[in-house]
N, C-alpha and C. Protein backbone atom coordinates (compact mmCIF):
# COMPACT_ATOMS: atom_id res chain seq x y z
N LEU A 1 60.35 93.30 71.19
CA LEU A 1 60.46 93.12 69.21
C LEU A 1 61.39 91.78 69.20
N VAL A 2 61.28 91.02 68.40
CA VAL A 2 61.92 89.84 68.27
C VAL A 2 62.30 90.21 66.37
N ALA A 3 63.95 90.04 66.35
CA ALA A 3 64.48 90.28 65.40
C ALA A 3 65.07 89.28 65.25
N PHE A 4 65.78 88.90 64.06
CA PHE A 4 66.54 88.09 63.42
C PHE A 4 68.15 88.46 62.72
N SER A 5 68.74 87.89 63.27
CA SER A 5 70.01 88.23 63.00
C SER A 5 70.52 87.06 61.97
N SER A 6 71.83 86.91 62.25
CA SER A 6 72.51 85.37 61.11
C SER A 6 73.77 85.21 62.46
N ASP A 7 73.58 83.78 61.86
CA ASP A 7 74.87 82.99 62.48
C ASP A 7 76.53 83.51 61.33
N GLN A 8 76.11 84.39 60.26
CA GLN A 8 76.95 85.06 59.83
C GLN A 8 78.38 86.29 60.68
N VAL A 9 77.35 86.38 61.51
CA VAL A 9 78.37 87.55 62.84
C VAL A 9 79.17 86.80 63.18
N TYR A 10 79.30 85.38 62.86
CA TYR A 10 80.42 84.29 63.25
C TYR A 10 81.76 83.96 62.52
N THR A 11 81.53 84.75 61.55
CA THR A 11 82.45 84.80 59.99
C THR A 11 83.59 85.63 60.53
N GLY A 12 84.57 84.93 60.23
CA GLY A 12 86.36 85.62 60.38
C GLY A 12 86.96 85.08 61.92
N LEU A 13 85.89 84.29 62.67
CA LEU A 13 86.58 83.72 63.76
C LEU A 13 87.67 82.24 63.48
N THR A 14 88.57 82.42 64.21
CA THR A 14 89.51 81.26 63.56
C THR A 14 89.29 80.08 64.30
N GLU A 15 88.69 80.25 65.57
CA GLU A 15 88.31 79.15 66.25
C GLU A 15 87.73 78.07 65.89
N HIS A 16 87.26 76.96 66.12
CA HIS A 16 86.26 76.24 65.65
C HIS A 16 84.80 76.26 65.86
N GLY A 17 84.67 77.04 67.03
CA GLY A 17 83.67 76.94 67.71
C GLY A 17 83.11 75.49 68.53
N PRO A 18 81.73 75.28 69.02
CA PRO A 18 80.56 76.25 69.17
C PRO A 18 80.96 77.24 69.77
N PHE A 19 80.11 78.33 69.34
CA PHE A 19 80.29 80.00 69.62
C PHE A 19 79.23 79.63 70.48
N ASP A 20 79.57 80.52 71.59
CA ASP A 20 78.16 81.53 72.22
C ASP A 20 78.08 83.00 72.04
N GLU A 21 76.88 83.37 72.40
CA GLU A 21 76.68 85.02 72.05
C GLU A 21 76.95 85.85 72.57
N ASP A 22 78.35 85.61 74.03
CA ASP A 22 79.33 86.04 74.21
C ASP A 22 80.79 86.26 73.98
N THR A 23 80.86 85.29 73.00
CA THR A 23 81.91 85.45 71.68
C THR A 23 82.32 87.20 71.03
N PRO A 24 83.44 87.33 71.51
CA PRO A 24 84.07 88.59 70.73
C PRO A 24 83.93 88.20 69.37
N LEU A 25 83.25 89.03 68.75
CA LEU A 25 83.16 89.02 67.16
C LEU A 25 84.11 89.99 66.36
N SER A 26 84.18 89.87 64.89
CA SER A 26 84.91 90.38 64.10
C SER A 26 84.69 90.07 62.44
N PRO A 27 83.03 89.67 62.67
CA PRO A 27 83.04 89.40 61.27
C PRO A 27 83.65 89.75 59.82
N ALA A 28 84.22 88.85 59.41
CA ALA A 28 84.43 88.70 58.04
C ALA A 28 83.98 89.23 56.72
N ASN A 29 82.58 89.65 56.73
CA ASN A 29 81.95 90.11 55.44
C ASN A 29 80.86 90.69 55.83
N VAL A 30 80.50 91.83 54.49
CA VAL A 30 80.05 92.82 54.82
C VAL A 30 78.61 92.58 55.65
N TYR A 31 78.07 91.38 55.26
CA TYR A 31 76.79 90.76 55.94
C TYR A 31 76.58 90.70 57.19
N GLY A 32 77.88 89.86 57.55
CA GLY A 32 77.91 89.76 58.90
C GLY A 32 77.99 91.15 60.06
N ARG A 33 78.87 91.89 59.52
CA ARG A 33 79.34 92.93 59.95
C ARG A 33 77.82 93.76 60.12
N HIS A 34 76.96 93.46 58.84
CA HIS A 34 75.49 94.65 58.87
C HIS A 34 74.64 94.06 60.30
N LYS A 35 75.03 92.84 60.10
CA LYS A 35 74.13 91.99 61.52
C LYS A 35 74.47 92.45 62.65
N GLN A 36 75.74 92.15 63.00
CA GLN A 36 76.41 92.77 64.12
C GLN A 36 76.22 94.40 64.53
N GLU A 37 76.16 95.09 64.08
CA GLU A 37 75.95 96.29 63.92
C GLU A 37 73.94 96.33 64.04
N MET A 38 73.37 96.02 63.77
CA MET A 38 71.85 96.13 64.26
C MET A 38 71.64 95.34 65.42
N GLU A 39 72.25 94.22 65.70
CA GLU A 39 71.82 93.58 66.78
C GLU A 39 72.60 95.02 67.59
N GLN A 40 73.69 95.86 67.82
CA GLN A 40 73.76 96.93 68.74
C GLN A 40 72.80 97.59 68.84
N ARG A 41 72.40 97.88 67.70
CA ARG A 41 71.74 99.30 67.32
C ARG A 41 70.54 99.08 68.28
N VAL A 42 69.58 97.75 67.69
CA VAL A 42 68.23 97.33 68.91
C VAL A 42 68.70 97.37 69.76
N LEU A 43 69.48 96.63 70.15
CA LEU A 43 69.62 96.78 71.65
C LEU A 43 69.90 97.89 71.97
N ASP A 44 70.30 99.18 71.65
CA ASP A 44 70.71 100.36 72.48
C ASP A 44 69.75 101.13 72.49
N ILE A 45 68.46 101.16 71.40
CA ILE A 45 67.20 101.72 71.49
C ILE A 45 66.38 101.08 72.51
N LEU A 46 66.35 99.83 72.33
CA LEU A 46 65.11 98.59 73.07
C LEU A 46 66.22 97.70 73.74
N PRO A 47 66.10 97.76 74.46
CA PRO A 47 67.00 96.75 75.60
C PRO A 47 66.43 95.67 75.76
N ASP A 48 65.31 95.20 76.01
CA ASP A 48 64.16 94.14 75.73
C ASP A 48 64.41 93.48 75.17
N ALA A 49 64.76 93.96 73.80
CA ALA A 49 64.15 93.17 72.41
C ALA A 49 65.41 91.83 72.32
N VAL A 50 64.70 91.08 71.33
CA VAL A 50 65.02 89.60 71.61
C VAL A 50 65.61 89.52 69.93
N LEU A 51 66.92 89.47 70.07
CA LEU A 51 67.50 89.33 68.45
C LEU A 51 68.05 87.61 68.40
N LEU A 52 67.70 86.93 67.76
CA LEU A 52 67.81 85.68 67.30
C LEU A 52 68.75 85.10 66.25
N ARG A 53 70.20 84.96 66.54
CA ARG A 53 71.12 84.27 65.56
C ARG A 53 70.73 83.28 64.69
N ALA A 54 70.33 83.25 63.66
CA ALA A 54 69.76 81.97 62.82
C ALA A 54 70.76 81.55 62.25
N ALA A 55 70.68 80.09 61.97
CA ALA A 55 71.26 79.49 61.47
C ALA A 55 70.89 79.36 59.63
N TRP A 56 71.54 78.65 58.94
CA TRP A 56 71.00 78.82 57.75
C TRP A 56 69.60 77.73 57.92
N MET A 57 68.95 77.77 57.15
CA MET A 57 67.56 77.31 56.73
C MET A 57 67.14 76.42 56.01
N TYR A 58 66.55 75.47 55.97
CA TYR A 58 65.86 74.76 54.86
C TYR A 58 64.52 74.05 54.61
N ASP A 59 63.95 73.73 53.93
CA ASP A 59 62.49 73.19 53.70
C ASP A 59 62.34 72.68 52.82
N LEU A 60 61.31 71.64 52.33
CA LEU A 60 61.11 71.44 50.42
C LEU A 60 59.92 72.07 50.22
N PRO A 61 59.52 71.93 49.15
CA PRO A 61 58.47 72.84 48.19
C PRO A 61 57.51 71.91 49.07
N GLY A 62 56.09 72.57 48.89
CA GLY A 62 55.31 71.72 49.60
C GLY A 62 54.35 72.66 50.14
N TYR A 63 52.89 72.59 50.33
CA TYR A 63 52.37 73.83 51.05
C TYR A 63 51.62 74.85 50.23
N GLY A 64 52.19 74.60 49.20
CA GLY A 64 51.81 75.91 48.04
C GLY A 64 52.25 77.06 48.29
N LEU A 65 53.70 77.15 49.13
CA LEU A 65 54.26 78.16 49.62
C LEU A 65 55.58 78.63 48.19
N PRO A 66 56.28 79.33 47.80
CA PRO A 66 57.39 79.37 47.71
C PRO A 66 58.36 79.41 48.09
N ILE A 67 59.59 78.61 46.86
CA ILE A 67 60.66 78.56 48.40
C ILE A 67 61.90 78.43 47.11
N ARG A 68 62.94 79.18 48.43
CA ARG A 68 64.40 78.99 47.54
C ARG A 68 65.04 78.12 47.71
N GLY A 69 65.96 78.08 46.64
CA GLY A 69 67.58 76.95 47.10
C GLY A 69 67.39 77.02 48.30
N ASN A 70 68.07 75.91 48.83
CA ASN A 70 68.84 75.83 50.25
C ASN A 70 69.41 74.26 50.24
N PHE A 71 69.48 73.73 51.21
CA PHE A 71 70.38 72.80 51.48
C PHE A 71 70.31 71.87 50.78
N LEU A 72 68.83 71.37 51.16
CA LEU A 72 68.12 70.05 50.76
C LEU A 72 67.92 70.34 48.98
N LEU A 73 67.17 71.08 48.60
CA LEU A 73 67.11 71.57 47.64
C LEU A 73 68.30 71.57 46.48
N ASN A 74 69.44 71.82 47.00
CA ASN A 74 70.75 72.06 46.75
C ASN A 74 71.25 70.61 46.15
N LEU A 75 71.40 69.62 47.08
CA LEU A 75 71.37 68.32 47.08
C LEU A 75 70.22 67.61 45.80
N LEU A 76 69.15 67.80 45.98
CA LEU A 76 68.36 67.37 44.90
C LEU A 76 68.22 67.25 43.83
N THR A 77 68.50 69.04 43.76
CA THR A 77 68.51 69.08 42.20
C THR A 77 70.12 68.49 41.41
N ALA A 78 71.18 68.90 42.58
CA ALA A 78 72.58 68.24 42.15
C ALA A 78 72.22 66.73 41.38
N ALA A 79 71.68 66.30 42.39
CA ALA A 79 71.31 64.74 41.99
C ALA A 79 70.34 64.33 40.22
N MET A 80 69.42 65.21 40.97
CA MET A 80 68.52 65.13 39.21
C MET A 80 69.69 65.55 37.95
N ARG A 81 70.43 66.45 38.04
CA ARG A 81 70.80 67.24 37.23
C ARG A 81 72.30 66.55 36.79
N GLN A 82 72.81 65.60 37.74
CA GLN A 82 74.06 65.22 37.72
C GLN A 82 75.09 66.10 37.69
N GLU A 83 74.90 66.57 38.70
CA GLU A 83 75.95 68.20 39.00
C GLU A 83 76.70 67.69 40.01
N THR A 84 77.80 68.26 39.86
CA THR A 84 79.06 68.05 41.13
C THR A 84 78.99 69.40 42.62
N LEU A 85 78.65 69.11 43.54
CA LEU A 85 78.46 70.02 44.88
C LEU A 85 79.69 70.01 45.38
N ARG A 86 80.02 71.09 45.92
CA ARG A 86 81.55 71.48 46.73
C ARG A 86 81.14 72.07 47.92
N PHE A 87 81.41 71.02 49.06
CA PHE A 87 81.88 71.99 50.46
C PHE A 87 82.93 71.54 50.90
N SER A 88 82.74 72.54 51.74
CA SER A 88 84.45 72.35 52.44
C SER A 88 84.41 71.59 53.55
N ALA A 89 85.55 70.44 53.57
CA ALA A 89 85.58 70.19 54.69
C ALA A 89 86.06 70.69 56.08
N ARG A 90 86.39 71.62 55.94
CA ARG A 90 86.65 72.42 57.34
C ARG A 90 85.81 73.69 57.50
N ASP A 91 84.44 73.72 56.59
CA ASP A 91 83.18 74.39 57.33
C ASP A 91 82.54 73.96 57.84
N TYR A 92 82.29 74.30 58.85
CA TYR A 92 81.14 74.01 60.23
C TYR A 92 80.47 74.81 60.50
N ARG A 93 79.02 74.57 60.45
CA ARG A 93 77.87 75.18 60.40
C ARG A 93 76.71 74.12 60.75
N GLY A 94 75.59 74.75 62.19
CA GLY A 94 74.31 74.08 61.94
C GLY A 94 73.59 74.46 60.75
N ILE A 95 72.56 73.75 60.26
CA ILE A 95 71.28 73.95 59.27
C ILE A 95 70.18 73.48 59.84
N THR A 96 69.18 74.35 59.87
CA THR A 96 67.86 74.03 60.97
C THR A 96 66.40 74.12 59.63
N TYR A 97 65.86 73.16 60.32
CA TYR A 97 64.70 73.19 59.48
C TYR A 97 63.66 73.85 59.80
N VAL A 98 63.31 74.90 58.53
CA VAL A 98 62.70 76.19 58.99
C VAL A 98 61.20 75.78 60.03
N ARG A 99 60.69 74.54 59.91
CA ARG A 99 59.49 74.47 60.35
C ARG A 99 59.67 74.32 61.99
N GLU A 100 61.15 74.08 62.26
CA GLU A 100 61.32 73.85 63.61
C GLU A 100 61.53 75.17 64.08
N ALA A 101 62.30 76.10 63.43
CA ALA A 101 62.34 77.58 63.70
C ALA A 101 60.92 78.20 64.22
N VAL A 102 60.04 77.48 63.24
CA VAL A 102 58.90 78.84 63.18
C VAL A 102 58.09 78.14 64.40
N GLU A 103 58.32 76.97 64.73
CA GLU A 103 57.31 76.60 66.48
C GLU A 103 58.55 77.26 67.72
N ARG A 104 59.43 77.25 67.29
CA ARG A 104 60.71 77.98 68.49
C ARG A 104 60.17 79.19 68.90
N LEU A 105 59.79 80.01 67.37
CA LEU A 105 59.41 80.93 67.45
C LEU A 105 58.62 81.77 68.90
N THR A 106 57.31 80.90 69.18
CA THR A 106 56.69 81.19 70.33
C THR A 106 57.52 81.25 71.35
N GLN A 107 58.24 79.93 71.87
CA GLN A 107 59.33 80.84 73.37
C GLN A 107 59.91 81.73 72.77
N ALA A 108 60.41 81.91 71.95
CA ALA A 108 61.47 83.12 71.77
C ALA A 108 60.71 84.19 72.22
N MET A 109 59.49 84.46 71.97
CA MET A 109 58.77 85.66 72.24
C MET A 109 58.75 86.11 73.70
N GLU A 110 58.79 85.07 74.29
CA GLU A 110 58.59 84.78 76.28
C GLU A 110 60.13 85.22 76.67
N LEU A 111 60.99 85.02 75.92
CA LEU A 111 62.63 85.36 76.29
C LEU A 111 62.49 86.75 76.96
N PRO A 112 63.86 86.66 77.77
CA PRO A 112 64.36 88.28 78.30
C PRO A 112 65.11 89.08 76.93
N GLY A 113 64.88 89.77 77.21
CA GLY A 113 65.96 90.77 76.56
C GLY A 113 67.18 90.08 75.92
N GLY A 114 67.78 90.32 74.66
CA GLY A 114 69.12 89.80 74.70
C GLY A 114 69.52 89.43 73.36
N VAL A 115 70.57 88.67 72.96
CA VAL A 115 70.95 88.06 71.91
C VAL A 115 70.88 86.60 72.13
N TYR A 116 70.36 85.76 71.44
CA TYR A 116 70.53 84.47 71.30
C TYR A 116 70.48 83.46 69.90
N ASN A 117 71.60 82.54 70.12
CA ASN A 117 71.65 81.69 69.36
C ASN A 117 70.61 80.89 68.68
N PHE A 118 69.88 81.16 67.49
CA PHE A 118 68.60 80.23 67.38
C PHE A 118 68.87 79.47 66.21
N GLY A 119 69.07 77.87 66.35
CA GLY A 119 69.08 77.06 65.54
C GLY A 119 69.78 75.72 65.86
N SER A 120 69.68 74.89 65.12
CA SER A 120 70.35 73.54 65.21
C SER A 120 72.01 73.44 65.40
N GLU A 121 72.33 73.13 66.06
CA GLU A 121 73.88 72.70 66.42
C GLU A 121 73.90 71.60 65.49
N ASN A 122 75.62 71.26 64.88
CA ASN A 122 76.16 70.26 64.20
C ASN A 122 76.96 69.40 65.15
N ASP A 123 77.38 68.22 64.49
CA ASP A 123 78.78 67.80 65.35
C ASP A 123 79.88 67.58 64.22
N CYS A 124 79.76 68.01 62.85
CA CYS A 124 80.47 67.75 61.66
C CYS A 124 80.89 68.30 60.92
N ASP A 125 81.83 68.28 59.64
CA ASP A 125 82.00 69.47 58.84
C ASP A 125 80.69 69.31 57.52
N MET A 126 80.52 70.44 56.78
CA MET A 126 79.36 70.57 55.40
C MET A 126 79.89 69.45 54.49
N VAL A 127 81.02 68.53 54.25
CA VAL A 127 81.49 67.38 53.53
C VAL A 127 80.30 66.26 54.07
N THR A 128 80.66 66.24 55.12
CA THR A 128 80.21 64.67 55.76
C THR A 128 78.85 65.15 56.19
N THR A 129 77.98 66.34 56.55
CA THR A 129 76.78 66.87 56.59
C THR A 129 76.04 66.31 55.18
N ALA A 130 76.83 67.06 54.28
CA ALA A 130 75.98 66.78 52.88
C ALA A 130 76.28 65.29 52.45
N ARG A 131 76.96 64.47 52.81
CA ARG A 131 76.96 62.82 52.87
C ARG A 131 76.09 62.30 53.36
N ARG A 132 75.91 62.69 54.38
CA ARG A 132 74.66 62.22 55.50
C ARG A 132 73.49 62.50 54.61
N ALA A 133 72.98 63.50 54.42
CA ALA A 133 71.47 63.59 54.00
C ALA A 133 71.82 63.38 52.34
N CYS A 134 72.24 63.08 51.73
CA CYS A 134 72.66 62.25 50.63
C CYS A 134 72.17 60.79 50.85
N ALA A 135 72.40 59.94 51.46
CA ALA A 135 72.54 58.81 52.16
C ALA A 135 71.17 58.57 53.07
N LEU A 136 70.58 59.55 53.66
CA LEU A 136 69.09 59.87 54.08
C LEU A 136 68.00 59.82 52.73
N LEU A 137 68.50 60.80 51.82
CA LEU A 137 67.77 60.79 50.87
C LEU A 137 67.86 59.80 49.67
N ASP A 138 68.76 58.76 49.72
CA ASP A 138 69.12 58.24 49.15
C ASP A 138 69.17 58.34 47.57
N ILE A 139 69.97 59.45 47.11
CA ILE A 139 70.42 60.00 46.07
C ILE A 139 71.84 60.10 46.04
N HIS A 140 72.75 60.07 45.24
CA HIS A 140 74.04 60.01 44.88
C HIS A 140 74.57 61.30 43.90
N PRO A 141 74.43 62.63 44.29
CA PRO A 141 75.46 63.51 43.61
C PRO A 141 76.69 63.49 44.07
N VAL A 142 77.95 63.83 43.04
CA VAL A 142 78.75 63.51 43.09
C VAL A 142 79.76 65.17 44.25
N VAL A 143 80.11 64.80 45.53
CA VAL A 143 79.68 65.64 46.67
C VAL A 143 81.24 65.96 46.69
N GLU A 144 81.91 67.07 46.57
CA GLU A 144 83.31 67.22 46.42
C GLU A 144 83.91 68.01 47.56
N ALA A 145 85.31 67.31 48.23
CA ALA A 145 85.47 67.96 49.60
C ALA A 145 86.71 69.56 49.33
N ALA A 146 85.78 70.45 49.21
CA ALA A 146 87.49 71.94 49.34
C ALA A 146 87.65 71.96 50.42
N ASP A 147 87.97 73.35 50.56
CA ASP A 147 89.46 73.23 51.83
C ASP A 147 89.43 74.79 51.38
N TRP A 148 88.33 75.26 52.08
CA TRP A 148 88.40 76.69 52.81
C TRP A 148 87.63 76.89 54.37
N PRO A 149 88.31 77.46 55.58
CA PRO A 149 88.04 77.48 56.47
C PRO A 149 86.72 78.29 57.13
N ARG A 150 86.06 77.90 57.70
CA ARG A 150 84.82 78.35 58.39
C ARG A 150 84.42 77.94 59.33
N SER A 151 84.11 78.26 60.48
CA SER A 151 83.23 78.15 61.36
C SER A 151 81.98 79.11 62.17
N LEU A 152 80.81 78.44 61.58
CA LEU A 152 79.72 79.20 62.31
C LEU A 152 78.42 78.38 63.12
N LEU A 153 79.61 77.53 64.06
CA LEU A 153 78.95 76.05 65.01
C LEU A 153 78.48 77.42 65.95
N MET A 154 76.94 77.51 66.16
CA MET A 154 76.85 78.22 67.44
C MET A 154 76.15 77.01 68.89
N ASP A 155 76.64 77.71 69.64
CA ASP A 155 76.09 76.99 70.85
C ASP A 155 74.94 77.49 71.36
N GLY A 156 73.85 76.56 71.24
CA GLY A 156 72.50 76.65 71.95
C GLY A 156 71.88 76.92 73.15
N GLY A 157 73.24 76.63 74.01
CA GLY A 157 72.83 76.56 75.43
C GLY A 157 71.73 77.88 76.06
N ARG A 158 72.14 79.07 75.92
CA ARG A 158 71.34 79.88 76.25
C ARG A 158 69.69 80.14 75.80
N PHE A 159 69.63 79.68 74.86
CA PHE A 159 68.41 79.87 74.32
C PHE A 159 67.61 78.70 75.06
N ARG A 160 68.25 77.22 74.90
CA ARG A 160 67.92 76.25 75.96
C ARG A 160 67.54 76.62 77.14
N ALA A 161 68.10 77.31 77.97
CA ALA A 161 67.99 77.24 79.20
C ALA A 161 67.00 78.33 79.43
N ALA A 162 66.81 79.21 78.83
CA ALA A 162 65.45 80.28 78.66
C ALA A 162 64.49 79.96 78.46
N ALA A 163 64.17 79.64 77.41
CA ALA A 163 63.20 79.07 76.86
C ALA A 163 62.37 77.72 76.87
N GLY A 164 63.47 77.08 77.93
CA GLY A 164 63.39 75.67 78.22
C GLY A 164 62.78 74.56 76.84
N VAL A 165 63.23 74.77 75.91
CA VAL A 165 63.17 73.76 74.87
C VAL A 165 64.32 74.18 73.99
N GLY A 166 65.19 73.22 73.30
CA GLY A 166 66.19 73.60 72.09
C GLY A 166 65.69 73.26 70.79
N PHE A 167 66.79 72.94 70.01
CA PHE A 167 66.59 72.73 68.54
C PHE A 167 66.96 70.99 68.48
N ASP A 168 66.37 70.68 67.38
CA ASP A 168 67.05 69.17 67.06
C ASP A 168 68.66 69.47 66.64
N ASP A 169 69.38 68.59 66.66
CA ASP A 169 70.71 68.49 65.89
C ASP A 169 70.57 68.56 64.55
N THR A 170 71.47 69.15 63.30
CA THR A 170 71.09 69.21 62.26
C THR A 170 70.55 67.80 61.47
N MET A 171 71.13 66.73 61.97
CA MET A 171 70.73 65.60 60.93
C MET A 171 69.60 65.07 61.12
N THR A 172 68.92 64.99 62.56
CA THR A 172 67.74 65.06 63.41
C THR A 172 66.68 66.00 62.81
N GLY A 173 66.76 67.13 62.75
CA GLY A 173 66.14 67.65 61.69
C GLY A 173 65.96 67.40 60.17
N VAL A 174 67.29 66.88 59.38
CA VAL A 174 66.83 66.59 58.33
C VAL A 174 65.84 65.40 58.51
N GLN A 175 66.07 64.28 59.46
CA GLN A 175 65.24 63.36 59.69
C GLN A 175 63.76 63.86 59.22
N ARG A 176 63.43 64.46 60.40
CA ARG A 176 62.08 65.16 60.81
C ARG A 176 61.48 65.68 59.72
N CYS A 177 62.33 66.86 58.60
CA CYS A 177 61.60 67.62 57.42
C CYS A 177 61.36 66.10 56.54
N LEU A 178 62.50 65.16 56.46
CA LEU A 178 61.84 64.01 55.60
C LEU A 178 60.80 63.07 55.67
N ARG A 179 60.70 63.03 56.96
CA ARG A 179 59.15 62.15 57.72
C ARG A 179 58.06 63.19 57.56
N ASP A 180 58.29 64.49 57.42
CA ASP A 180 57.77 65.70 57.40
C ASP A 180 56.70 65.18 55.68
N TYR A 181 57.58 64.95 54.82
CA TYR A 181 57.30 65.07 53.63
C TYR A 181 56.78 64.00 52.93
N GLY A 182 57.11 62.55 54.00
CA GLY A 182 56.95 61.12 53.60
C GLY A 182 58.29 60.40 52.65
N LEU A 183 59.05 61.19 52.90
CA LEU A 183 60.38 60.75 51.98
C LEU A 183 61.27 59.56 53.56
N LEU A 184 60.77 59.71 54.02
CA LEU A 184 61.82 58.94 55.33
C LEU A 184 60.51 57.86 56.27
N LYS A 185 60.82 57.36 56.57
CA LYS A 185 60.14 56.60 57.69
C LYS A 185 60.32 56.30 58.84
């Protein structure tokens, strides 16, 4: 069994991260608490199960598939509508190109049972991440800096070591996505 959990299990931690899978958890929201409980219940029943703590994911519309709002679409929509976006300068998290996550599922199916952080790492806060992505897209929505603390930064070392492959960092993934859609050379 391979099941998805979430980086939201790290909400409520006051440290900056990145967090590994053995970090003691105390999720600050219901979603994070439910994901933590799911992980434990699954592993109690099936210790060989693989639980993937996924980061926030994004893609662009294409391939005739439906798509919900996500990081890149939020930036593009705000630029088109001349809207302001707010991200916190004290919010840290990786954001993963969904196509890379799909590619990594093959390796995930071969992992020994346990919990794995599954997604891109990031070296900066969300304001900086948003502004960097806007620069790559050559769009100019107003990105305001808010001030709420959160760190969902995940250390992907366990997955890299066990799978023999890791994820692109957040901005490299954004560049890859834009190249895949012909928006960046």
